[in-house]
Amino acid sequence: MPNENIYDEVLGDVKNIMLEIRDGIRKQYKNVKPFATKPISTEEQIYDYNTRGQEIFNQIADKEGPQTAVKWQQDMEKIVERRQNVKR
C-alpha cells in the first residue's frame, strides 16, 4: 500500500524549496534599486518645461490622465513664477 501522506510530503518539500529560492532571490536583490535616478534641479525642470512642456504634458495626460497633467502644468507655472520673483 502506497504511503497515504506522499502528496503532503511532496507538497511540503516543494513549498520548502520555493521558500528557499524566494529567500535567496530577496537576499541577492535586497539593495538593488530599479532605476538609477537623481533629482532634477529646479533650473532643469524649468528648462524642460520651456523647451518641451507640451510633449511632457501629453505624456502625462496619456499615462496618468488629464487632471494630473493639468496639475503638473500648474505646479510648473508656480515654480517659474517663484523663480522670476527671486530674480527680481
PDB file of N, CA and C in Angstrom:
ATOM      1  N   MET A   1       0.842  -1.175   0.000  1.00  0.00           N
ATOM      2  CA  MET A   1       0.000   0.000   0.000  1.00  0.00           C
ATOM      3  C   MET A   1       0.891   1.243   0.000  1.00  0.00           C
ATOM      4  N   PRO A   2       0.658   2.150  -0.961  1.00  0.00           N
ATOM      5  CA  PRO A   2       1.495   3.352  -1.024  1.00  0.00           C
ATOM      6  C   PRO A   2       1.255   4.254   0.183  1.00  0.00           C
ATOM      7  N   ASN A   3       2.245   5.048   0.433  1.00  0.00           N
ATOM      8  CA  ASN A   3       2.157   5.980   1.558  1.00  0.00           C
ATOM      9  C   ASN A   3       1.021   6.970   1.302  1.00  0.00           C
ATOM     10  N   GLU A   4       0.108   7.055   2.247  1.00  0.00           N
ATOM     11  CA  GLU A   4      -1.057   7.921   2.063  1.00  0.00           C
ATOM     12  C   GLU A   4      -0.691   9.401   2.150  1.00  0.00           C
ATOM     13  N   ASN A   5       0.382   9.707   2.807  1.00  0.00           N
ATOM     14  CA  ASN A   5       0.769  11.104   3.002  1.00  0.00           C
ATOM     15  C   ASN A   5       1.830  11.562   2.003  1.00  0.00           C
ATOM     16  N   ILE A   6       2.055  10.794   0.965  1.00  0.00           N
ATOM     17  CA  ILE A   6       3.094  11.143  -0.011  1.00  0.00           C
ATOM     18  C   ILE A   6       2.803  12.487  -0.660  1.00  0.00           C
ATOM     19  N   TYR A   7       1.535  12.765  -0.935  1.00  0.00           N
ATOM     20  CA  TYR A   7       1.157  14.051  -1.544  1.00  0.00           C
ATOM     21  C   TYR A   7       1.551  15.196  -0.622  1.00  0.00           C
ATOM     22  N   ASP A   8       1.228  15.062   0.662  1.00  0.00           N
ATOM     23  CA  ASP A   8       1.562  16.115   1.621  1.00  0.00           C
ATOM     24  C   ASP A   8       3.071  16.280   1.761  1.00  0.00           C
ATOM     25  N   GLU A   9       3.795  15.171   1.734  1.00  0.00           N
ATOM     26  CA  GLU A   9       5.249  15.240   1.844  1.00  0.00           C
ATOM     27  C   GLU A   9       5.853  15.958   0.643  1.00  0.00           C
ATOM     28  N   VAL A  10       5.412  15.594  -0.545  1.00  0.00           N
ATOM     29  CA  VAL A  10       5.932  16.224  -1.761  1.00  0.00           C
ATOM     30  C   VAL A  10       5.558  17.698  -1.782  1.00  0.00           C
ATOM     31  N   LEU A  11       4.321  17.992  -1.429  1.00  0.00           N
ATOM     32  CA  LEU A  11       3.875  19.381  -1.408  1.00  0.00           C
ATOM     33  C   LEU A  11       4.691  20.193  -0.409  1.00  0.00           C
ATOM     34  N   GLY A  12       4.966  19.606   0.743  1.00  0.00           N
ATOM     35  CA  GLY A  12       5.781  20.286   1.748  1.00  0.00           C
ATOM     36  C   GLY A  12       7.192  20.532   1.251  1.00  0.00           C
ATOM     37  N   ASP A  13       7.772  19.529   0.576  1.00  0.00           N
ATOM     38  CA  ASP A  13       9.119  19.682   0.031  1.00  0.00           C
ATOM     39  C   ASP A  13       9.157  20.773  -1.035  1.00  0.00           C
ATOM     40  N   VAL A  14       8.173  20.777  -1.905  1.00  0.00           N
ATOM     41  CA  VAL A  14       8.113  21.795  -2.958  1.00  0.00           C
ATOM     42  C   VAL A  14       7.982  23.179  -2.336  1.00  0.00           C
ATOM     43  N   LYS A  15       7.146  23.294  -1.324  1.00  0.00           N
ATOM     44  CA  LYS A  15       6.963  24.590  -0.656  1.00  0.00           C
ATOM     45  C   LYS A  15       8.269  25.051  -0.016  1.00  0.00           C
ATOM     46  N   ASN A  16       8.981  24.136   0.640  1.00  0.00           N
ATOM     47  CA  ASN A  16      10.255  24.498   1.260  1.00  0.00           C
ATOM     48  C   ASN A  16      11.269  24.956   0.217  1.00  0.00           C
ATOM     49  N   ILE A  17      11.321  24.274  -0.899  1.00  0.00           N
ATOM     50  CA  ILE A  17      12.242  24.656  -1.973  1.00  0.00           C
ATOM     51  C   ILE A  17      11.882  26.036  -2.509  1.00  0.00           C
ATOM     52  N   MET A  18      10.597  26.276  -2.711  1.00  0.00           N
ATOM     53  CA  MET A  18      10.158  27.588  -3.207  1.00  0.00           C
ATOM     54  C   MET A  18      10.525  28.696  -2.225  1.00  0.00           C
ATOM     55  N   LEU A  19      10.355  28.454  -0.932  1.00  0.00           N
ATOM     56  CA  LEU A  19      10.699  29.455   0.073  1.00  0.00           C
ATOM     57  C   LEU A  19      12.203  29.722   0.096  1.00  0.00           C
ATOM     58  N   GLU A  20      13.007  28.673  -0.059  1.00  0.00           N
ATOM     59  CA  GLU A  20      14.457  28.850  -0.110  1.00  0.00           C
ATOM     60  C   GLU A  20      14.862  29.680  -1.321  1.00  0.00           C
ATOM     61  N   ILE A  21      14.269  29.395  -2.454  1.00  0.00           N
ATOM     62  CA  ILE A  21      14.569  30.161  -3.668  1.00  0.00           C
ATOM     63  C   ILE A  21      14.160  31.614  -3.479  1.00  0.00           C
ATOM     64  N   ARG A  22      12.971  31.832  -2.941  1.00  0.00           N
ATOM     65  CA  ARG A  22      12.490  33.195  -2.719  1.00  0.00           C
ATOM     66  C   ARG A  22      13.426  33.955  -1.785  1.00  0.00           C
ATOM     67  N   ASP A  23      13.841  33.317  -0.691  1.00  0.00           N
ATOM     68  CA  ASP A  23      14.750  33.968   0.244  1.00  0.00           C
ATOM     69  C   ASP A  23      16.086  34.287  -0.415  1.00  0.00           C
ATOM     70  N   GLY A  24      16.573  33.365  -1.241  1.00  0.00           N
ATOM     71  CA  GLY A  24      17.829  33.613  -1.945  1.00  0.00           C
ATOM     72  C   GLY A  24      17.728  34.785  -2.896  1.00  0.00           C
ATOM     73  N   ILE A  25      16.624  34.875  -3.609  1.00  0.00           N
ATOM     74  CA  ILE A  25      16.427  35.993  -4.537  1.00  0.00           C
ATOM     75  C   ILE A  25      16.314  37.298  -3.769  1.00  0.00           C
ATOM     76  N   ARG A  26      15.587  37.287  -2.667  1.00  0.00           N
ATOM     77  CA  ARG A  26      15.454  38.509  -1.857  1.00  0.00           C
ATOM     78  C   ARG A  26      16.807  38.982  -1.353  1.00  0.00           C
ATOM     79  N   LYS A  27      17.632  38.044  -0.860  1.00  0.00           N
ATOM     80  CA  LYS A  27      18.952  38.421  -0.365  1.00  0.00           C
ATOM     81  C   LYS A  27      19.820  38.971  -1.489  1.00  0.00           C
ATOM     82  N   GLN A  28      19.723  38.357  -2.650  1.00  0.00           N
ATOM     83  CA  GLN A  28      20.558  38.761  -3.775  1.00  0.00           C
ATOM     84  C   GLN A  28      20.214  40.162  -4.252  1.00  0.00           C
ATOM     85  N   TYR A  29      18.933  40.500  -4.274  1.00  0.00           N
ATOM     86  CA  TYR A  29      18.497  41.774  -4.835  1.00  0.00           C
ATOM     87  C   TYR A  29      17.998  42.751  -3.777  1.00  0.00           C
ATOM     88  N   LYS A  30      18.375  42.538  -2.523  1.00  0.00           N
ATOM     89  CA  LYS A  30      17.854  43.346  -1.427  1.00  0.00           C
ATOM     90  C   LYS A  30      18.186  44.827  -1.592  1.00  0.00           C
ATOM     91  N   ASN A  31      19.382  45.144  -1.983  1.00  0.00           N
ATOM     92  CA  ASN A  31      19.817  46.539  -2.053  1.00  0.00           C
ATOM     93  C   ASN A  31      19.804  47.112  -3.463  1.00  0.00           C
ATOM     94  N   VAL A  32      19.205  46.415  -4.392  1.00  0.00           N
ATOM     95  CA  VAL A  32      19.171  46.874  -5.776  1.00  0.00           C
ATOM     96  C   VAL A  32      18.012  47.841  -5.954  1.00  0.00           C
ATOM     97  N   LYS A  33      18.308  48.973  -6.555  1.00  0.00           N
ATOM     98  CA  LYS A  33      17.265  49.939  -6.866  1.00  0.00           C
ATOM     99  C   LYS A  33      16.855  49.742  -8.325  1.00  0.00           C
ATOM    100  N   PRO A  34      15.570  49.900  -8.647  1.00  0.00           N
ATOM    101  CA  PRO A  34      15.131  49.589 -10.004  1.00  0.00           C
ATOM    102  C   PRO A  34      15.710  50.507 -11.068  1.00  0.00           C
ATOM    103  N   PHE A  35      15.889  51.776 -10.755  1.00  0.00           N
ATOM    104  CA  PHE A  35      16.423  52.712 -11.735  1.00  0.00           C
ATOM    105  C   PHE A  35      17.400  53.641 -11.032  1.00  0.00           C
ATOM    106  N   ALA A  36      18.468  53.950 -11.707  1.00  0.00           N
ATOM    107  CA  ALA A  36      19.414  54.909 -11.157  1.00  0.00           C
ATOM    108  C   ALA A  36      18.909  56.307 -11.497  1.00  0.00           C
ATOM    109  N   THR A  37      18.204  56.905 -10.580  1.00  0.00           N
ATOM    110  CA  THR A  37      17.638  58.225 -10.827  1.00  0.00           C
ATOM    111  C   THR A  37      18.262  59.234  -9.887  1.00  0.00           C
ATOM    112  N   LYS A  38      18.332  60.449 -10.329  1.00  0.00           N
ATOM    113  CA  LYS A  38      18.789  61.528  -9.468  1.00  0.00           C
ATOM    114  C   LYS A  38      17.773  62.655  -9.581  1.00  0.00           C
ATOM    115  N   PRO A  39      17.620  63.409  -8.530  1.00  0.00           N
ATOM    116  CA  PRO A  39      16.655  64.505  -8.580  1.00  0.00           C
ATOM    117  C   PRO A  39      17.063  65.549  -9.619  1.00  0.00           C
ATOM    118  N   ILE A  40      16.074  66.139 -10.244  1.00  0.00           N
ATOM    119  CA  ILE A  40      16.319  67.173 -11.243  1.00  0.00           C
ATOM    120  C   ILE A  40      16.271  68.522 -10.546  1.00  0.00           C
ATOM    121  N   SER A  41      17.232  69.365 -10.857  1.00  0.00           N
ATOM    122  CA  SER A  41      17.253  70.688 -10.241  1.00  0.00           C
ATOM    123  C   SER A  41      16.101  71.528 -10.780  1.00  0.00           C
ATOM    124  N   THR A  42      15.808  72.597 -10.058  1.00  0.00           N
ATOM    125  CA  THR A  42      14.723  73.488 -10.470  1.00  0.00           C
ATOM    126  C   THR A  42      15.014  74.096 -11.834  1.00  0.00           C
ATOM    127  N   GLU A  43      16.267  74.446 -12.074  1.00  0.00           N
ATOM    128  CA  GLU A  43      16.631  75.031 -13.364  1.00  0.00           C
ATOM    129  C   GLU A  43      16.386  74.044 -14.503  1.00  0.00           C
ATOM    130  N   GLU A  44      16.727  72.777 -14.267  1.00  0.00           N
ATOM    131  CA  GLU A  44      16.487  71.758 -15.289  1.00  0.00           C
ATOM    132  C   GLU A  44      14.993  71.551 -15.528  1.00  0.00           C
ATOM    133  N   GLN A  45      14.201  71.596 -14.453  1.00  0.00           N
ATOM    134  CA  GLN A  45      12.753  71.469 -14.602  1.00  0.00           C
ATOM    135  C   GLN A  45      12.192  72.611 -15.437  1.00  0.00           C
ATOM    136  N   ILE A  46      12.637  73.821 -15.142  1.00  0.00           N
ATOM    137  CA  ILE A  46      12.154  74.991 -15.887  1.00  0.00           C
ATOM    138  C   ILE A  46      12.589  74.904 -17.345  1.00  0.00           C
ATOM    139  N   TYR A  47      13.839  74.498 -17.586  1.00  0.00           N
ATOM    140  CA  TYR A  47      14.322  74.364 -18.958  1.00  0.00           C
ATOM    141  C   TYR A  47      13.480  73.349 -19.726  1.00  0.00           C
ATOM    142  N   ASP A  48      13.249  72.184 -19.109  1.00  0.00           N
ATOM    143  CA  ASP A  48      12.421  71.161 -19.763  1.00  0.00           C
ATOM    144  C   ASP A  48      11.013  71.673 -20.013  1.00  0.00           C
ATOM    145  N   TYR A  49      10.466  72.393 -19.058  1.00  0.00           N
ATOM    146  CA  TYR A  49       9.110  72.929 -19.206  1.00  0.00           C
ATOM    147  C   TYR A  49       9.049  73.925 -20.361  1.00  0.00           C
ATOM    148  N   ASN A  50      10.064  74.775 -20.465  1.00  0.00           N
ATOM    149  CA  ASN A  50      10.076  75.786 -21.526  1.00  0.00           C
ATOM    150  C   ASN A  50      10.353  75.178 -22.902  1.00  0.00           C
ATOM    151  N   THR A  51      11.181  74.151 -22.965  1.00  0.00           N
ATOM    152  CA  THR A  51      11.554  73.602 -24.270  1.00  0.00           C
ATOM    153  C   THR A  51      10.591  72.540 -24.779  1.00  0.00           C
ATOM    154  N   ARG A  52      10.134  71.659 -23.896  1.00  0.00           N
ATOM    155  CA  ARG A  52       9.262  70.585 -24.365  1.00  0.00           C
ATOM    156  C   ARG A  52       8.081  70.341 -23.433  1.00  0.00           C
ATOM    157  N   GLY A  53       7.537  71.428 -22.936  1.00  0.00           N
ATOM    158  CA  GLY A  53       6.423  71.352 -21.994  1.00  0.00           C
ATOM    159  C   GLY A  53       5.196  70.660 -22.554  1.00  0.00           C
ATOM    160  N   GLN A  54       4.852  70.956 -23.800  1.00  0.00           N
ATOM    161  CA  GLN A  54       3.658  70.348 -24.397  1.00  0.00           C
ATOM    162  C   GLN A  54       3.837  68.843 -24.567  1.00  0.00           C
ATOM    163  N   GLU A  55       5.032  68.430 -24.945  1.00  0.00           N
ATOM    164  CA  GLU A  55       5.308  66.999 -25.091  1.00  0.00           C
ATOM    165  C   GLU A  55       5.186  66.280 -23.744  1.00  0.00           C
ATOM    166  N   ILE A  56       5.761  66.876 -22.704  1.00  0.00           N
ATOM    167  CA  ILE A  56       5.674  66.290 -21.366  1.00  0.00           C
ATOM    168  C   ILE A  56       4.224  66.257 -20.899  1.00  0.00           C
ATOM    169  N   PHE A  57       3.505  67.348 -21.151  1.00  0.00           N
ATOM    170  CA  PHE A  57       2.086  67.423 -20.785  1.00  0.00           C
ATOM    171  C   PHE A  57       1.311  66.280 -21.438  1.00  0.00           C
ATOM    172  N   ASN A  58       1.543  66.060 -22.730  1.00  0.00           N
ATOM    173  CA  ASN A  58       0.842  64.993 -23.449  1.00  0.00           C
ATOM    174  C   ASN A  58       1.196  63.606 -22.905  1.00  0.00           C
ATOM    175  N   GLN A  59       2.465  63.406 -22.557  1.00  0.00           N
ATOM    176  CA  GLN A  59       2.877  62.121 -21.989  1.00  0.00           C
ATOM    177  C   GLN A  59       2.180  61.861 -20.658  1.00  0.00           C
ATOM    178  N   ILE A  60       2.136  62.880 -19.814  1.00  0.00           N
ATOM    179  CA  ILE A  60       1.470  62.725 -18.515  1.00  0.00           C
ATOM    180  C   ILE A  60      -0.018  62.481 -18.711  1.00  0.00           C
ATOM    181  N   ALA A  61      -0.629  63.218 -19.632  1.00  0.00           N
ATOM    182  CA  ALA A  61      -2.061  63.050 -19.888  1.00  0.00           C
ATOM    183  C   ALA A  61      -2.363  61.642 -20.391  1.00  0.00           C
ATOM    184  N   ASP A  62      -1.495  61.098 -21.232  1.00  0.00           N
ATOM    185  CA  ASP A  62      -1.705  59.747 -21.753  1.00  0.00           C
ATOM    186  C   ASP A  62      -1.553  58.683 -20.667  1.00  0.00           C
ATOM    187  N   LYS A  63      -0.532  58.850 -19.819  1.00  0.00           N
ATOM    188  CA  LYS A  63      -0.230  57.819 -18.833  1.00  0.00           C
ATOM    189  C   LYS A  63      -1.067  57.941 -17.566  1.00  0.00           C
ATOM    190  N   GLU A  64      -1.270  59.176 -17.079  1.00  0.00           N
ATOM    191  CA  GLU A  64      -1.882  59.349 -15.764  1.00  0.00           C
ATOM    192  C   GLU A  64      -3.201  60.095 -15.804  1.00  0.00           C
ATOM    193  N   GLY A  65      -3.561  60.624 -16.953  1.00  0.00           N
ATOM    194  CA  GLY A  65      -4.841  61.304 -17.074  1.00  0.00           C
ATOM    195  C   GLY A  65      -4.685  62.812 -17.180  1.00  0.00           C
ATOM    196  N   PRO A  66      -5.696  63.474 -17.748  1.00  0.00           N
ATOM    197  CA  PRO A  66      -5.605  64.915 -17.974  1.00  0.00           C
ATOM    198  C   PRO A  66      -5.564  65.739 -16.691  1.00  0.00           C
ATOM    199  N   GLN A  67      -6.213  65.280 -15.641  1.00  0.00           N
ATOM    200  CA  GLN A  67      -6.202  66.051 -14.391  1.00  0.00           C
ATOM    201  C   GLN A  67      -4.794  66.132 -13.815  1.00  0.00           C
ATOM    202  N   THR A  68      -4.076  65.044 -13.871  1.00  0.00           N
ATOM    203  CA  THR A  68      -2.697  65.033 -13.390  1.00  0.00           C
ATOM    204  C   THR A  68      -1.820  65.922 -14.261  1.00  0.00           C
ATOM    205  N   ALA A  69      -2.057  65.920 -15.557  1.00  0.00           N
ATOM    206  CA  ALA A  69      -1.275  66.760 -16.465  1.00  0.00           C
ATOM    207  C   ALA A  69      -1.530  68.238 -16.184  1.00  0.00           C
ATOM    208  N   VAL A  70      -2.781  68.595 -15.951  1.00  0.00           N
ATOM    209  CA  VAL A  70      -3.106  69.994 -15.643  1.00  0.00           C
ATOM    210  C   VAL A  70      -2.464  70.400 -14.319  1.00  0.00           C
ATOM    211  N   LYS A  71      -2.493  69.509 -13.328  1.00  0.00           N
ATOM    212  CA  LYS A  71      -1.857  69.805 -12.041  1.00  0.00           C
ATOM    213  C   LYS A  71      -0.358  70.006 -12.228  1.00  0.00           C
ATOM    214  N   TRP A  72       0.280  69.156 -13.049  1.00  0.00           N
ATOM    215  CA  TRP A  72       1.709  69.316 -13.319  1.00  0.00           C
ATOM    216  C   TRP A  72       1.975  70.673 -13.961  1.00  0.00           C
ATOM    217  N   GLN A  73       1.143  71.053 -14.930  1.00  0.00           N
ATOM    218  CA  GLN A  73       1.324  72.331 -15.613  1.00  0.00           C
ATOM    219  C   GLN A  73       1.183  73.489 -14.630  1.00  0.00           C
ATOM    220  N   GLN A  74       0.194  73.421 -13.751  1.00  0.00           N
ATOM    221  CA  GLN A  74       0.005  74.478 -12.759  1.00  0.00           C
ATOM    222  C   GLN A  74       1.186  74.544 -11.795  1.00  0.00           C
ATOM    223  N   ASP A  75       1.673  73.394 -11.374  1.00  0.00           N
ATOM    224  CA  ASP A  75       2.841  73.364 -10.488  1.00  0.00           C
ATOM    225  C   ASP A  75       4.063  73.966 -11.167  1.00  0.00           C
ATOM    226  N   MET A  76       4.254  73.643 -12.433  1.00  0.00           N
ATOM    227  CA  MET A  76       5.395  74.197 -13.157  1.00  0.00           C
ATOM    228  C   MET A  76       5.269  75.705 -13.323  1.00  0.00           C
ATOM    229  N   GLU A  77       4.061  76.193 -13.573  1.00  0.00           N
ATOM    230  CA  GLU A  77       3.863  77.639 -13.686  1.00  0.00           C
ATOM    231  C   GLU A  77       4.172  78.330 -12.364  1.00  0.00           C
ATOM    232  N   LYS A  78       3.823  77.693 -11.249  1.00  0.00           N
ATOM    233  CA  LYS A  78       4.151  78.258  -9.936  1.00  0.00           C
ATOM    234  C   LYS A  78       5.658  78.298  -9.724  1.00  0.00           C
ATOM    235  N   ILE A  79       6.347  77.234 -10.131  1.00  0.00           N
ATOM    236  CA  ILE A  79       7.803  77.200  -9.987  1.00  0.00           C
ATOM    237  C   ILE A  79       8.442  78.307 -10.817  1.00  0.00           C
ATOM    238  N   VAL A  80       7.985  78.478 -12.053  1.00  0.00           N
ATOM    239  CA  VAL A  80       8.523  79.526 -12.929  1.00  0.00           C
ATOM    240  C   VAL A  80       8.260  80.894 -12.316  1.00  0.00           C
ATOM    241  N   GLU A  81       7.061  81.094 -11.805  1.00  0.00           N
ATOM    242  CA  GLU A  81       6.711  82.385 -11.202  1.00  0.00           C
ATOM    243  C   GLU A  81       7.574  82.665  -9.972  1.00  0.00           C
ATOM    244  N   ARG A  82       7.757  81.654  -9.123  1.00  0.00           N
ATOM    245  CA  ARG A  82       8.612  81.835  -7.942  1.00  0.00           C
ATOM    246  C   ARG A  82      10.046  82.151  -8.345  1.00  0.00           C
ATOM    247  N   ARG A  83      10.538  81.473  -9.376  1.00  0.00           N
ATOM    248  CA  ARG A  83      11.915  81.703  -9.831  1.00  0.00           C
ATOM    249  C   ARG A  83      12.074  83.126 -10.360  1.00  0.00           C
ATOM    250  N   GLN A  84      11.051  83.634 -11.056  1.00  0.00           N
ATOM    251  CA  GLN A  84      11.105  85.001 -11.569  1.00  0.00           C
ATOM    252  C   GLN A  84      11.060  86.010 -10.426  1.00  0.00           C
ATOM    253  N   ASN A  85      10.280  85.731  -9.387  1.00  0.00           N
ATOM    254  CA  ASN A  85      10.208  86.632  -8.240  1.00  0.00           C
ATOM    255  C   ASN A  85      11.521  86.666  -7.478  1.00  0.00           C
ATOM    256  N   VAL A  86      12.229  85.563  -7.430  1.00  0.00           N
ATOM    257  CA  VAL A  86      13.512  85.507  -6.737  1.00  0.00           C
ATOM    258  C   VAL A  86      14.550  86.325  -7.488  1.00  0.00           C
ATOM    259  N   LYS A  87      14.494  86.301  -8.815  1.00  0.00           N
ATOM    260  CA  LYS A  87      15.483  87.018  -9.626  1.00  0.00           C
ATOM    261  C   LYS A  87      15.283  88.524  -9.575  1.00  0.00           C
ATOM    262  N   ARG A  88      14.101  88.984  -9.197  1.00  0.00           N
ATOM    263  CA  ARG A  88      13.845  90.437  -9.172  1.00  0.00           C
ATOM    264  C   ARG A  88      14.509  91.113  -8.037  1.00  0.00           C
TER     265      ARG A  88
END
